[in-house]
N, C-alpha and C. Protein backbone atom coordinates (compact mmCIF):
# COMPACT_ATOMS: atom_id res chain seq x y z
N MET A 1 118.22 121.54 83.81
CA MET A 1 116.97 121.76 84.53
C MET A 1 117.28 122.26 85.94
N GLU A 2 116.67 123.38 86.31
CA GLU A 2 116.93 123.97 87.61
C GLU A 2 116.00 123.37 88.66
N LEU A 3 116.60 122.85 89.73
CA LEU A 3 115.81 122.25 90.80
C LEU A 3 115.38 123.32 91.78
N GLY A 4 114.13 123.23 92.21
CA GLY A 4 113.61 124.17 93.20
C GLY A 4 113.51 123.51 94.56
N GLU A 5 112.43 123.82 95.24
CA GLU A 5 112.20 123.33 96.61
C GLU A 5 112.16 121.81 96.67
N LEU A 6 112.79 121.26 97.70
CA LEU A 6 112.67 119.84 97.98
C LEU A 6 111.30 119.62 98.61
N VAL A 7 110.41 118.90 97.92
CA VAL A 7 109.03 118.76 98.39
C VAL A 7 108.75 117.38 98.97
N GLY A 8 109.69 116.45 98.83
CA GLY A 8 109.47 115.13 99.39
C GLY A 8 110.73 114.30 99.30
N THR A 9 110.86 113.35 100.21
CA THR A 9 112.01 112.45 100.19
C THR A 9 111.60 111.09 100.69
N GLY A 10 112.17 110.06 100.10
CA GLY A 10 111.85 108.69 100.49
C GLY A 10 113.12 107.89 100.71
N ARG A 11 112.97 106.56 100.76
CA ARG A 11 114.13 105.72 101.03
C ARG A 11 115.13 105.74 99.89
N SER A 12 114.66 105.97 98.65
CA SER A 12 115.58 105.85 97.52
C SER A 12 115.56 107.04 96.58
N ALA A 13 114.70 108.03 96.81
CA ALA A 13 114.58 109.14 95.86
C ALA A 13 114.16 110.42 96.57
N ASP A 14 114.46 111.55 95.92
CA ASP A 14 114.02 112.86 96.40
C ASP A 14 113.14 113.49 95.32
N VAL A 15 112.22 114.35 95.74
CA VAL A 15 111.30 115.01 94.82
C VAL A 15 111.48 116.52 94.95
N TYR A 16 111.73 117.18 93.80
CA TYR A 16 111.96 118.62 93.78
C TYR A 16 110.91 119.31 92.90
N ALA A 17 110.50 120.49 93.32
CA ALA A 17 109.68 121.34 92.45
C ALA A 17 110.57 121.88 91.33
N ILE A 18 110.03 121.93 90.11
CA ILE A 18 110.80 122.48 88.98
C ILE A 18 110.00 123.52 88.21
N GLY A 19 108.89 123.96 88.78
CA GLY A 19 108.11 125.01 88.13
C GLY A 19 107.07 124.47 87.16
N ASP A 20 106.17 125.35 86.75
CA ASP A 20 105.11 125.02 85.79
C ASP A 20 104.26 123.85 86.27
N GLY A 21 104.04 123.76 87.57
CA GLY A 21 103.19 122.71 88.10
C GLY A 21 103.76 121.32 87.96
N ARG A 22 105.09 121.21 87.93
CA ARG A 22 105.74 119.91 87.78
C ARG A 22 106.74 119.67 88.90
N VAL A 23 107.06 118.41 89.10
CA VAL A 23 108.11 118.02 90.04
C VAL A 23 109.04 117.03 89.35
N LEU A 24 110.26 116.92 89.87
CA LEU A 24 111.21 115.94 89.39
C LEU A 24 111.52 114.98 90.53
N ARG A 25 111.30 113.70 90.27
CA ARG A 25 111.69 112.65 91.23
C ARG A 25 113.06 112.13 90.79
N ARG A 26 114.06 112.29 91.64
CA ARG A 26 115.44 111.89 91.30
C ARG A 26 115.89 110.79 92.23
N TYR A 27 116.26 109.65 91.66
CA TYR A 27 116.74 108.52 92.46
C TYR A 27 118.14 108.78 92.97
N ARG A 28 118.39 108.33 94.21
CA ARG A 28 119.74 108.38 94.78
C ARG A 28 120.47 107.06 94.57
N VAL A 29 119.79 106.09 93.99
CA VAL A 29 120.36 104.77 93.72
C VAL A 29 120.12 104.44 92.25
N ALA A 30 120.80 103.39 91.78
CA ALA A 30 120.57 102.95 90.41
C ALA A 30 119.13 102.46 90.27
N ALA A 31 118.39 103.03 89.35
CA ALA A 31 116.98 102.67 89.16
C ALA A 31 116.60 102.94 87.72
N ASP A 32 115.57 102.26 87.25
CA ASP A 32 115.10 102.41 85.88
C ASP A 32 113.84 103.27 85.87
N ALA A 33 114.03 104.58 85.83
CA ALA A 33 112.88 105.48 85.82
C ALA A 33 112.07 105.33 84.54
N GLY A 34 112.71 104.88 83.47
CA GLY A 34 111.99 104.70 82.21
C GLY A 34 110.92 103.63 82.32
N ARG A 35 111.23 102.52 83.00
CA ARG A 35 110.24 101.46 83.18
C ARG A 35 109.09 101.95 84.05
N GLU A 36 109.42 102.71 85.09
CA GLU A 36 108.40 103.25 85.98
C GLU A 36 107.47 104.18 85.20
N LEU A 37 108.06 105.02 84.35
CA LEU A 37 107.26 105.94 83.54
C LEU A 37 106.31 105.17 82.63
N GLU A 38 106.80 104.11 82.01
CA GLU A 38 105.96 103.33 81.09
C GLU A 38 104.78 102.69 81.82
N ILE A 39 105.03 102.19 83.03
CA ILE A 39 103.95 101.58 83.79
C ILE A 39 102.92 102.64 84.19
N MET A 40 103.39 103.80 84.64
CA MET A 40 102.46 104.86 85.02
C MET A 40 101.63 105.32 83.84
N ALA A 41 102.26 105.45 82.68
CA ALA A 41 101.52 105.85 81.48
C ALA A 41 100.49 104.79 81.10
N HIS A 42 100.85 103.53 81.29
CA HIS A 42 99.95 102.43 80.95
C HIS A 42 98.71 102.44 81.84
N VAL A 43 98.91 102.56 83.16
CA VAL A 43 97.74 102.53 84.04
C VAL A 43 96.91 103.81 83.87
N ALA A 44 97.57 104.95 83.59
CA ALA A 44 96.84 106.19 83.35
C ALA A 44 95.94 106.06 82.12
N ALA A 45 96.45 105.37 81.10
CA ALA A 45 95.65 105.18 79.88
C ALA A 45 94.41 104.34 80.14
N HIS A 46 94.42 103.56 81.22
CA HIS A 46 93.26 102.76 81.61
C HIS A 46 92.45 103.44 82.70
N GLY A 47 92.70 104.73 82.92
CA GLY A 47 91.88 105.50 83.84
C GLY A 47 92.26 105.42 85.29
N TYR A 48 93.44 104.85 85.60
CA TYR A 48 93.84 104.72 87.00
C TYR A 48 94.49 106.03 87.47
N PRO A 49 94.23 106.46 88.72
CA PRO A 49 94.71 107.76 89.18
C PRO A 49 96.20 107.76 89.57
N VAL A 50 97.02 108.31 88.69
CA VAL A 50 98.45 108.49 88.93
C VAL A 50 98.83 109.92 88.54
N PRO A 51 99.97 110.42 88.98
CA PRO A 51 100.42 111.74 88.52
C PRO A 51 100.66 111.72 87.01
N GLU A 52 100.43 112.85 86.40
CA GLU A 52 100.77 112.99 84.97
C GLU A 52 102.27 112.86 84.80
N VAL A 53 102.71 112.17 83.75
CA VAL A 53 104.14 112.00 83.49
C VAL A 53 104.52 112.70 82.19
N PHE A 54 105.78 113.11 82.11
CA PHE A 54 106.30 113.86 80.96
C PHE A 54 107.49 113.10 80.39
N PRO A 55 107.25 112.18 79.44
CA PRO A 55 108.32 111.32 78.92
C PRO A 55 109.50 112.08 78.33
N GLY A 56 109.23 113.16 77.61
CA GLY A 56 110.30 113.88 76.94
C GLY A 56 111.26 114.59 77.88
N GLU A 57 110.87 114.77 79.13
CA GLU A 57 111.71 115.48 80.07
C GLU A 57 112.31 114.57 81.14
N SER A 58 111.95 113.30 81.11
CA SER A 58 112.45 112.35 82.10
C SER A 58 113.72 111.70 81.58
N GLY A 59 114.46 111.05 82.49
CA GLY A 59 115.70 110.40 82.10
C GLY A 59 115.86 109.06 82.77
N ALA A 60 117.08 108.54 82.76
CA ALA A 60 117.34 107.20 83.28
C ALA A 60 117.04 107.09 84.77
N THR A 61 117.37 108.14 85.53
CA THR A 61 117.12 108.11 86.98
C THR A 61 116.22 109.27 87.42
N ASP A 62 115.69 110.03 86.47
CA ASP A 62 114.81 111.16 86.77
C ASP A 62 113.44 110.94 86.16
N LEU A 63 112.42 111.32 86.90
CA LEU A 63 111.05 111.18 86.41
C LEU A 63 110.34 112.51 86.65
N VAL A 64 109.89 113.15 85.56
CA VAL A 64 109.18 114.42 85.66
C VAL A 64 107.68 114.14 85.65
N MET A 65 106.99 114.70 86.65
CA MET A 65 105.57 114.44 86.83
C MET A 65 104.83 115.73 87.17
N GLY A 66 103.52 115.68 87.04
CA GLY A 66 102.71 116.79 87.48
C GLY A 66 102.70 116.86 89.00
N ARG A 67 102.71 118.08 89.53
CA ARG A 67 102.71 118.25 90.99
C ARG A 67 101.29 118.08 91.53
N LEU A 68 101.17 117.34 92.61
CA LEU A 68 99.87 117.09 93.23
C LEU A 68 99.68 117.98 94.44
N SER A 69 98.44 118.33 94.72
CA SER A 69 98.13 119.07 95.93
C SER A 69 97.34 118.18 96.87
N GLY A 70 97.53 118.40 98.17
CA GLY A 70 96.84 117.59 99.17
C GLY A 70 97.82 116.77 99.97
N PRO A 71 97.38 116.25 101.14
CA PRO A 71 98.25 115.46 102.00
C PRO A 71 98.32 114.01 101.55
N THR A 72 99.31 113.29 102.04
CA THR A 72 99.27 111.85 101.89
C THR A 72 98.17 111.29 102.80
N MET A 73 97.72 110.10 102.50
CA MET A 73 96.72 109.47 103.36
C MET A 73 97.26 109.32 104.78
N LEU A 74 98.56 109.02 104.91
CA LEU A 74 99.15 108.87 106.24
C LEU A 74 99.04 110.16 107.03
N HIS A 75 99.42 111.28 106.40
CA HIS A 75 99.35 112.55 107.10
C HIS A 75 97.90 112.92 107.43
N ALA A 76 96.98 112.59 106.53
CA ALA A 76 95.57 112.87 106.80
C ALA A 76 95.05 112.04 107.96
N LEU A 77 95.51 110.80 108.06
CA LEU A 77 95.12 109.96 109.20
C LEU A 77 95.64 110.54 110.51
N LEU A 78 96.90 110.95 110.52
CA LEU A 78 97.50 111.49 111.73
C LEU A 78 96.85 112.80 112.14
N ALA A 79 96.36 113.57 111.16
CA ALA A 79 95.72 114.85 111.44
C ALA A 79 94.23 114.71 111.73
N GLY A 80 93.71 113.50 111.63
CA GLY A 80 92.29 113.29 111.86
C GLY A 80 91.41 113.75 110.72
N GLU A 81 91.99 113.91 109.52
CA GLU A 81 91.23 114.39 108.37
C GLU A 81 90.54 113.26 107.62
N ILE A 82 90.90 112.03 107.92
CA ILE A 82 90.26 110.85 107.34
C ILE A 82 90.23 109.78 108.44
N GLY A 83 89.16 109.01 108.47
CA GLY A 83 89.04 107.99 109.49
C GLY A 83 89.66 106.67 109.06
N ILE A 84 89.90 105.80 110.03
CA ILE A 84 90.50 104.50 109.76
C ILE A 84 89.64 103.69 108.80
N GLU A 85 88.34 103.67 109.02
CA GLU A 85 87.45 102.88 108.17
C GLU A 85 87.51 103.34 106.72
N GLU A 86 87.43 104.66 106.52
CA GLU A 86 87.48 105.19 105.16
C GLU A 86 88.82 104.91 104.51
N ALA A 87 89.89 105.07 105.27
CA ALA A 87 91.23 104.84 104.71
C ALA A 87 91.40 103.39 104.29
N GLY A 88 90.99 102.44 105.14
CA GLY A 88 91.13 101.04 104.80
C GLY A 88 90.34 100.64 103.58
N ARG A 89 89.12 101.14 103.51
CA ARG A 89 88.27 100.81 102.35
C ARG A 89 88.79 101.48 101.07
N THR A 90 89.37 102.66 101.23
CA THR A 90 89.95 103.34 100.06
C THR A 90 91.15 102.56 99.53
N LEU A 91 92.01 102.07 100.43
CA LEU A 91 93.15 101.26 99.99
C LEU A 91 92.68 100.01 99.27
N ALA A 92 91.68 99.33 99.82
CA ALA A 92 91.16 98.12 99.18
C ALA A 92 90.59 98.44 97.81
N ALA A 93 89.87 99.55 97.70
CA ALA A 93 89.28 99.92 96.40
C ALA A 93 90.36 100.26 95.38
N LEU A 94 91.44 100.92 95.83
CA LEU A 94 92.53 101.25 94.91
C LEU A 94 93.24 99.99 94.42
N LEU A 95 93.42 99.02 95.29
CA LEU A 95 94.03 97.75 94.87
C LEU A 95 93.13 97.04 93.86
N ARG A 96 91.85 96.93 94.15
CA ARG A 96 90.95 96.24 93.23
C ARG A 96 90.88 96.95 91.89
N ARG A 97 90.84 98.28 91.92
CA ARG A 97 90.77 99.04 90.67
C ARG A 97 92.02 98.83 89.85
N LEU A 98 93.19 98.82 90.50
CA LEU A 98 94.44 98.59 89.78
C LEU A 98 94.45 97.21 89.15
N HIS A 99 93.92 96.24 89.85
CA HIS A 99 93.98 94.86 89.36
C HIS A 99 92.97 94.57 88.25
N ARG A 100 92.24 95.58 87.86
CA ARG A 100 91.42 95.48 86.64
C ARG A 100 92.20 95.95 85.41
N VAL A 101 93.38 96.53 85.63
CA VAL A 101 94.21 96.99 84.51
C VAL A 101 95.00 95.81 83.96
N PRO A 102 94.88 95.52 82.67
CA PRO A 102 95.60 94.37 82.11
C PRO A 102 97.11 94.59 82.13
N ALA A 103 97.84 93.49 82.11
CA ALA A 103 99.30 93.57 82.05
C ALA A 103 99.74 94.27 80.77
N ARG A 104 100.87 94.92 80.83
CA ARG A 104 101.40 95.64 79.67
C ARG A 104 102.21 94.73 78.76
N VAL A 105 102.92 93.75 79.35
CA VAL A 105 103.83 92.89 78.59
C VAL A 105 103.39 91.43 78.62
N SER A 106 103.05 90.93 79.80
CA SER A 106 102.70 89.52 79.96
C SER A 106 101.48 89.15 79.11
N ARG A 107 101.52 87.95 78.57
CA ARG A 107 100.39 87.44 77.80
C ARG A 107 99.53 86.49 78.63
N ASP A 108 99.89 86.30 79.88
CA ASP A 108 99.08 85.47 80.77
C ASP A 108 97.86 86.29 81.19
N PRO A 109 96.65 85.84 80.87
CA PRO A 109 95.46 86.64 81.18
C PRO A 109 95.22 86.83 82.67
N ARG A 110 95.90 86.05 83.50
CA ARG A 110 95.73 86.20 84.95
C ARG A 110 96.60 87.30 85.52
N ASP A 111 97.60 87.75 84.77
CA ASP A 111 98.51 88.77 85.26
C ASP A 111 97.91 90.17 85.12
N ARG A 112 98.25 91.00 86.08
CA ARG A 112 97.80 92.38 86.11
C ARG A 112 98.98 93.27 86.51
N ILE A 113 98.78 94.58 86.47
CA ILE A 113 99.77 95.51 86.99
C ILE A 113 99.69 95.47 88.52
N LEU A 114 100.84 95.34 89.16
CA LEU A 114 100.92 95.32 90.62
C LEU A 114 101.76 96.52 91.08
N HIS A 115 101.30 97.21 92.10
CA HIS A 115 102.06 98.34 92.63
C HIS A 115 103.17 97.86 93.56
N LEU A 116 102.83 96.93 94.44
CA LEU A 116 103.75 96.25 95.36
C LEU A 116 104.30 97.16 96.46
N ASP A 117 103.68 98.31 96.67
CA ASP A 117 104.07 99.18 97.78
C ASP A 117 102.92 100.15 98.09
N LEU A 118 101.69 99.66 97.97
CA LEU A 118 100.54 100.54 98.10
C LEU A 118 100.13 100.60 99.58
N HIS A 119 100.48 101.70 100.21
CA HIS A 119 100.19 101.92 101.63
C HIS A 119 99.86 103.40 101.81
N PRO A 120 99.45 103.83 103.00
CA PRO A 120 98.94 105.20 103.16
C PRO A 120 99.91 106.32 102.80
N ASP A 121 101.21 106.09 102.89
CA ASP A 121 102.15 107.16 102.54
C ASP A 121 102.38 107.26 101.04
N ASN A 122 101.82 106.32 100.28
CA ASN A 122 101.93 106.37 98.82
C ASN A 122 100.59 106.66 98.15
N VAL A 123 99.68 107.24 98.92
CA VAL A 123 98.40 107.70 98.37
C VAL A 123 98.25 109.17 98.72
N MET A 124 98.10 110.02 97.71
CA MET A 124 97.86 111.44 97.92
C MET A 124 96.36 111.70 97.83
N LEU A 125 95.85 112.43 98.81
CA LEU A 125 94.42 112.77 98.82
C LEU A 125 94.26 114.16 98.22
N THR A 126 94.05 114.20 96.90
CA THR A 126 93.95 115.46 96.17
C THR A 126 92.49 115.91 96.11
N PRO A 127 92.24 117.16 95.71
CA PRO A 127 90.86 117.62 95.57
C PRO A 127 90.05 116.79 94.57
N ASP A 128 90.74 116.10 93.65
CA ASP A 128 90.05 115.28 92.65
C ASP A 128 89.93 113.82 93.06
N GLY A 129 90.39 113.50 94.28
CA GLY A 129 90.32 112.12 94.74
C GLY A 129 91.71 111.55 95.02
N PRO A 130 91.78 110.32 95.51
CA PRO A 130 93.08 109.72 95.83
C PRO A 130 93.89 109.43 94.57
N VAL A 131 95.20 109.67 94.67
CA VAL A 131 96.13 109.42 93.57
C VAL A 131 97.29 108.59 94.12
N VAL A 132 97.66 107.53 93.42
CA VAL A 132 98.71 106.62 93.89
C VAL A 132 100.05 107.06 93.32
N ILE A 133 101.05 107.16 94.19
CA ILE A 133 102.38 107.61 93.80
C ILE A 133 103.40 106.50 94.05
N ASP A 134 104.65 106.75 93.67
CA ASP A 134 105.81 105.88 93.94
C ASP A 134 105.62 104.50 93.33
N TRP A 135 105.84 104.42 92.03
CA TRP A 135 105.65 103.18 91.26
C TRP A 135 106.95 102.46 90.98
N CYS A 136 107.99 102.74 91.75
CA CYS A 136 109.30 102.15 91.44
C CYS A 136 109.32 100.63 91.62
N ASN A 137 108.45 100.08 92.47
CA ASN A 137 108.43 98.64 92.69
C ASN A 137 107.45 97.91 91.77
N ALA A 138 106.71 98.64 90.97
CA ALA A 138 105.61 98.04 90.20
C ALA A 138 106.11 96.98 89.23
N ARG A 139 105.35 95.93 89.13
CA ARG A 139 105.64 94.81 88.24
C ARG A 139 104.32 94.25 87.70
N GLU A 140 104.41 93.16 86.94
CA GLU A 140 103.22 92.44 86.50
C GLU A 140 103.18 91.09 87.21
N GLY A 141 101.98 90.63 87.51
CA GLY A 141 101.86 89.35 88.19
C GLY A 141 100.45 89.14 88.69
N ARG A 142 100.31 88.24 89.67
CA ARG A 142 99.00 87.88 90.21
C ARG A 142 98.60 88.88 91.30
N PRO A 143 97.38 89.38 91.26
CA PRO A 143 96.94 90.39 92.22
C PRO A 143 97.05 90.00 93.68
N ALA A 144 96.97 88.71 93.99
CA ALA A 144 97.02 88.30 95.40
C ALA A 144 98.31 88.73 96.08
N LEU A 145 99.42 88.80 95.35
CA LEU A 145 100.68 89.24 95.93
C LEU A 145 100.60 90.71 96.33
N ASP A 146 99.99 91.53 95.50
CA ASP A 146 99.87 92.95 95.78
C ASP A 146 99.05 93.19 97.05
N CYS A 147 97.92 92.48 97.15
CA CYS A 147 97.07 92.60 98.33
C CYS A 147 97.82 92.17 99.59
N ALA A 148 98.56 91.06 99.48
CA ALA A 148 99.29 90.56 100.63
C ALA A 148 100.38 91.53 101.07
N LEU A 149 101.06 92.16 100.12
CA LEU A 149 102.11 93.11 100.47
C LEU A 149 101.55 94.34 101.17
N SER A 150 100.43 94.87 100.68
CA SER A 150 99.84 96.03 101.34
C SER A 150 99.46 95.70 102.78
N ALA A 151 98.85 94.54 102.97
CA ALA A 151 98.47 94.12 104.33
C ALA A 151 99.72 93.91 105.19
N LEU A 152 100.75 93.32 104.63
CA LEU A 152 101.96 93.02 105.39
C LEU A 152 102.69 94.28 105.82
N ILE A 153 102.76 95.27 104.96
CA ILE A 153 103.40 96.53 105.30
C ILE A 153 102.71 97.17 106.50
N LEU A 154 101.38 97.17 106.48
CA LEU A 154 100.63 97.73 107.61
C LEU A 154 100.80 96.87 108.85
N ALA A 155 100.81 95.55 108.67
CA ALA A 155 100.94 94.66 109.82
C ALA A 155 102.30 94.81 110.49
N GLN A 156 103.35 95.07 109.71
CA GLN A 156 104.66 95.32 110.31
C GLN A 156 104.62 96.53 111.25
N ALA A 157 103.95 97.59 110.81
CA ALA A 157 103.81 98.76 111.67
C ALA A 157 102.95 98.44 112.89
N ALA A 158 101.95 97.57 112.70
CA ALA A 158 101.03 97.24 113.78
C ALA A 158 101.69 96.48 114.91
N VAL A 159 102.69 95.66 114.59
CA VAL A 159 103.34 94.84 115.63
C VAL A 159 104.64 95.46 116.12
N ASP A 160 104.94 96.66 115.67
CA ASP A 160 106.18 97.34 116.07
C ASP A 160 105.97 98.06 117.40
N GLY A 161 106.42 97.47 118.46
CA GLY A 161 106.26 98.07 119.77
C GLY A 161 107.02 99.36 119.96
N GLU A 162 107.95 99.67 119.05
CA GLU A 162 108.72 100.91 119.15
C GLU A 162 108.06 102.06 118.40
N SER A 163 106.95 101.78 117.71
CA SER A 163 106.33 102.78 116.85
C SER A 163 105.10 103.40 117.52
N ASP A 164 104.99 104.73 117.41
CA ASP A 164 103.80 105.43 117.90
C ASP A 164 102.59 105.16 117.01
N LEU A 165 102.83 104.57 115.84
CA LEU A 165 101.75 104.33 114.88
C LEU A 165 101.14 102.93 115.02
N ALA A 166 101.65 102.14 115.96
CA ALA A 166 101.24 100.73 116.03
C ALA A 166 99.74 100.57 116.22
N GLN A 167 99.14 101.33 117.10
CA GLN A 167 97.71 101.18 117.37
C GLN A 167 96.88 101.52 116.14
N ALA A 168 97.20 102.65 115.50
CA ALA A 168 96.46 103.04 114.31
C ALA A 168 96.67 102.03 113.18
N ALA A 169 97.91 101.54 113.05
CA ALA A 169 98.20 100.57 112.00
C ALA A 169 97.44 99.27 112.21
N ARG A 170 97.31 98.83 113.46
CA ARG A 170 96.56 97.61 113.74
C ARG A 170 95.08 97.79 113.36
N ALA A 171 94.52 98.94 113.69
CA ALA A 171 93.13 99.20 113.31
C ALA A 171 92.98 99.25 111.80
N LEU A 172 93.95 99.85 111.12
CA LEU A 172 93.86 99.99 109.67
C LEU A 172 94.01 98.65 108.97
N VAL A 173 94.96 97.81 109.40
CA VAL A 173 95.14 96.52 108.74
C VAL A 173 93.92 95.62 109.01
N THR A 174 93.26 95.81 110.14
CA THR A 174 92.04 95.06 110.41
C THR A 174 90.94 95.43 109.42
N VAL A 175 90.79 96.73 109.17
CA VAL A 175 89.79 97.18 108.18
C VAL A 175 90.16 96.70 106.79
N LEU A 176 91.44 96.86 106.42
CA LEU A 176 91.88 96.47 105.07
C LEU A 176 91.67 94.98 104.85
N THR A 177 92.02 94.17 105.82
CA THR A 177 91.86 92.72 105.69
C THR A 177 90.40 92.37 105.46
N GLY A 178 89.52 92.98 106.22
CA GLY A 178 88.10 92.72 106.03
C GLY A 178 87.58 93.22 104.69
N ALA A 179 88.05 94.40 104.26
CA ALA A 179 87.58 94.98 103.00
C ALA A 179 88.06 94.18 101.79
N LEU A 180 89.26 93.61 101.88
CA LEU A 180 89.78 92.82 100.76
C LEU A 180 89.10 91.46 100.65
N GLY A 181 88.67 90.91 101.77
CA GLY A 181 87.97 89.63 101.74
C GLY A 181 88.78 88.55 101.07
N GLU A 182 88.16 87.87 100.09
CA GLU A 182 88.82 86.76 99.40
C GLU A 182 89.98 87.19 98.51
N ASP A 183 90.11 88.50 98.25
CA ASP A 183 91.25 88.96 97.46
C ASP A 183 92.56 88.85 98.23
N LEU A 184 92.47 88.75 99.56
CA LEU A 184 93.66 88.57 100.38
C LEU A 184 93.81 87.09 100.72
N ASP A 185 94.79 86.45 100.11
CA ASP A 185 95.05 85.03 100.33
C ASP A 185 96.15 84.91 101.39
N PRO A 186 95.81 84.41 102.60
CA PRO A 186 96.81 84.31 103.67
C PRO A 186 97.70 83.09 103.57
N GLY A 187 97.70 82.42 102.41
CA GLY A 187 98.54 81.25 102.20
C GLY A 187 99.79 81.60 101.43
N GLY A 188 99.94 80.99 100.25
CA GLY A 188 101.14 81.17 99.44
C GLY A 188 101.46 82.61 99.09
N PRO A 189 100.49 83.42 98.65
CA PRO A 189 100.82 84.82 98.33
C PRO A 189 101.38 85.60 99.52
N LEU A 190 100.89 85.31 100.73
CA LEU A 190 101.43 85.99 101.90
C LEU A 190 102.86 85.52 102.18
N ASP A 191 103.13 84.24 101.97
CA ASP A 191 104.51 83.74 102.10
C ASP A 191 105.42 84.43 101.10
N ASP A 192 104.93 84.61 99.87
CA ASP A 192 105.72 85.29 98.84
C ASP A 192 105.97 86.75 99.23
N ALA A 193 104.95 87.40 99.79
CA ALA A 193 105.10 88.78 100.22
C ALA A 193 106.14 88.89 101.33
N ARG A 194 106.12 87.94 102.26
CA ARG A 194 107.10 87.93 103.35
C ARG A 194 108.51 87.80 102.80
N ALA A 195 108.70 86.88 101.84
CA ALA A 195 110.02 86.67 101.25
C ALA A 195 110.50 87.93 100.53
N ARG A 196 109.58 88.60 99.87
CA ARG A 196 109.93 89.81 99.15
C ARG A 196 110.36 90.91 100.12
N ARG A 197 109.62 91.06 101.21
CA ARG A 197 109.98 92.07 102.20
C ARG A 197 111.32 91.73 102.88
N ALA A 198 111.54 90.46 103.16
CA ALA A 198 112.78 90.05 103.81
C ALA A 198 113.99 90.34 102.94
N ALA A 199 113.81 90.29 101.62
CA ALA A 199 114.91 90.51 100.70
C ALA A 199 115.10 91.99 100.34
N ASP A 200 114.23 92.85 100.84
CA ASP A 200 114.29 94.28 100.53
C ASP A 200 115.44 94.92 101.29
N ARG A 201 116.45 95.38 100.56
CA ARG A 201 117.63 95.98 101.20
C ARG A 201 117.32 97.32 101.83
N GLY A 202 116.17 97.87 101.52
CA GLY A 202 115.79 99.14 102.11
C GLY A 202 115.25 99.01 103.52
N LEU A 203 114.95 97.79 103.96
CA LEU A 203 114.43 97.58 105.30
C LEU A 203 115.57 97.43 106.30
N THR A 204 115.33 97.88 107.51
CA THR A 204 116.31 97.71 108.57
C THR A 204 116.18 96.30 109.15
N ALA A 205 117.19 95.89 109.91
CA ALA A 205 117.13 94.59 110.56
C ALA A 205 115.94 94.52 111.52
N HIS A 206 115.64 95.62 112.17
CA HIS A 206 114.48 95.67 113.07
C HIS A 206 113.19 95.40 112.29
N GLU A 207 113.04 96.03 111.13
CA GLU A 207 111.83 95.84 110.33
C GLU A 207 111.71 94.40 109.84
N VAL A 208 112.80 93.83 109.39
CA VAL A 208 112.77 92.43 108.94
C VAL A 208 112.40 91.51 110.11
N GLY A 209 112.86 91.85 111.30
CA GLY A 209 112.56 91.04 112.47
C GLY A 209 111.09 91.03 112.85
N LEU A 210 110.31 91.95 112.32
CA LEU A 210 108.88 92.03 112.62
C LEU A 210 108.04 91.15 111.69
N LEU A 211 108.64 90.59 110.66
CA LEU A 211 107.87 89.94 109.61
C LEU A 211 107.06 88.74 110.09
N ASP A 212 107.66 87.86 110.87
CA ASP A 212 106.93 86.66 111.30
C ASP A 212 105.71 87.03 112.13
N GLU A 213 105.87 87.97 113.04
CA GLU A 213 104.72 88.40 113.85
C GLU A 213 103.67 89.08 112.99
N ALA A 214 104.11 89.84 111.99
CA ALA A 214 103.17 90.51 111.10
C ALA A 214 102.37 89.50 110.27
N VAL A 215 103.05 88.48 109.77
CA VAL A 215 102.36 87.42 109.01
C VAL A 215 101.34 86.72 109.90
N ALA A 216 101.72 86.43 111.13
CA ALA A 216 100.80 85.77 112.06
C ALA A 216 99.57 86.63 112.32
N LEU A 217 99.76 87.94 112.43
CA LEU A 217 98.63 88.85 112.65
C LEU A 217 97.67 88.80 111.48
N ILE A 218 98.18 88.86 110.27
CA ILE A 218 97.31 88.82 109.09
C ILE A 218 96.52 87.50 109.04
N ARG A 219 97.19 86.42 109.35
CA ARG A 219 96.49 85.13 109.31
C ARG A 219 95.39 85.05 110.38
N ARG A 220 95.62 85.65 111.52
CA ARG A 220 94.56 85.70 112.53
C ARG A 220 93.39 86.54 112.05
N LEU A 221 93.69 87.69 111.45
CA LEU A 221 92.64 88.58 110.97
C LEU A 221 91.87 87.97 109.81
N ALA A 222 92.58 87.29 108.92
CA ALA A 222 91.92 86.71 107.74
C ALA A 222 91.06 85.51 108.13
N GLY A 223 91.45 84.78 109.18
CA GLY A 223 90.67 83.64 109.62
C GLY A 223 90.81 82.47 108.65
N PRO A 224 90.11 81.38 108.92
CA PRO A 224 90.20 80.20 108.05
C PRO A 224 89.58 80.49 106.69
N ARG A 225 90.21 79.98 105.65
CA ARG A 225 89.70 80.16 104.27
C ARG A 225 89.41 78.80 103.66
């Protein structure tokens, strides 16, 4: 397969154009692209907005998908193409919609598909509506963890005094927290989200050092429950 233009890069993978309206996501680390493909196909079958996947052309560390047009939500926010209020409510709606998709393997009726990394840089704003990308962290479990992780990721950016995005991130996590309401549990699920982020080898020591302040921010925003 001939790789074309590099169209995106993340902490663990690169995305290349390969023609015919498709892209190839290639991991730079050991990863199970097959499991990611199965989860994406599962949520797509339930009507959730994800890129089209091509099982016959994907491999152990490669995932072939349909190419999307449009900016990420993060880029749209920075360009003033979407407002903070709309972005926060869109994230909350995408989380709730995902958590209506039943688990693929678990037989526990409380378990759902969890993205576990749903933030503005993993939402593409296409002409057909928002599409969620980067499913490498997706698992099955209780929805409260997913909501807590999305809030925590934004809260880390909000309390980062070294980031130019801190002010916008604080406004966005405030909207998201309010929009999620009771779906965001600032107790045990938030503690679990913090532990998961702390164990993430992709985070820098600086980012891990922001976790306690980020958790405190979410608890202030969520208020007493």
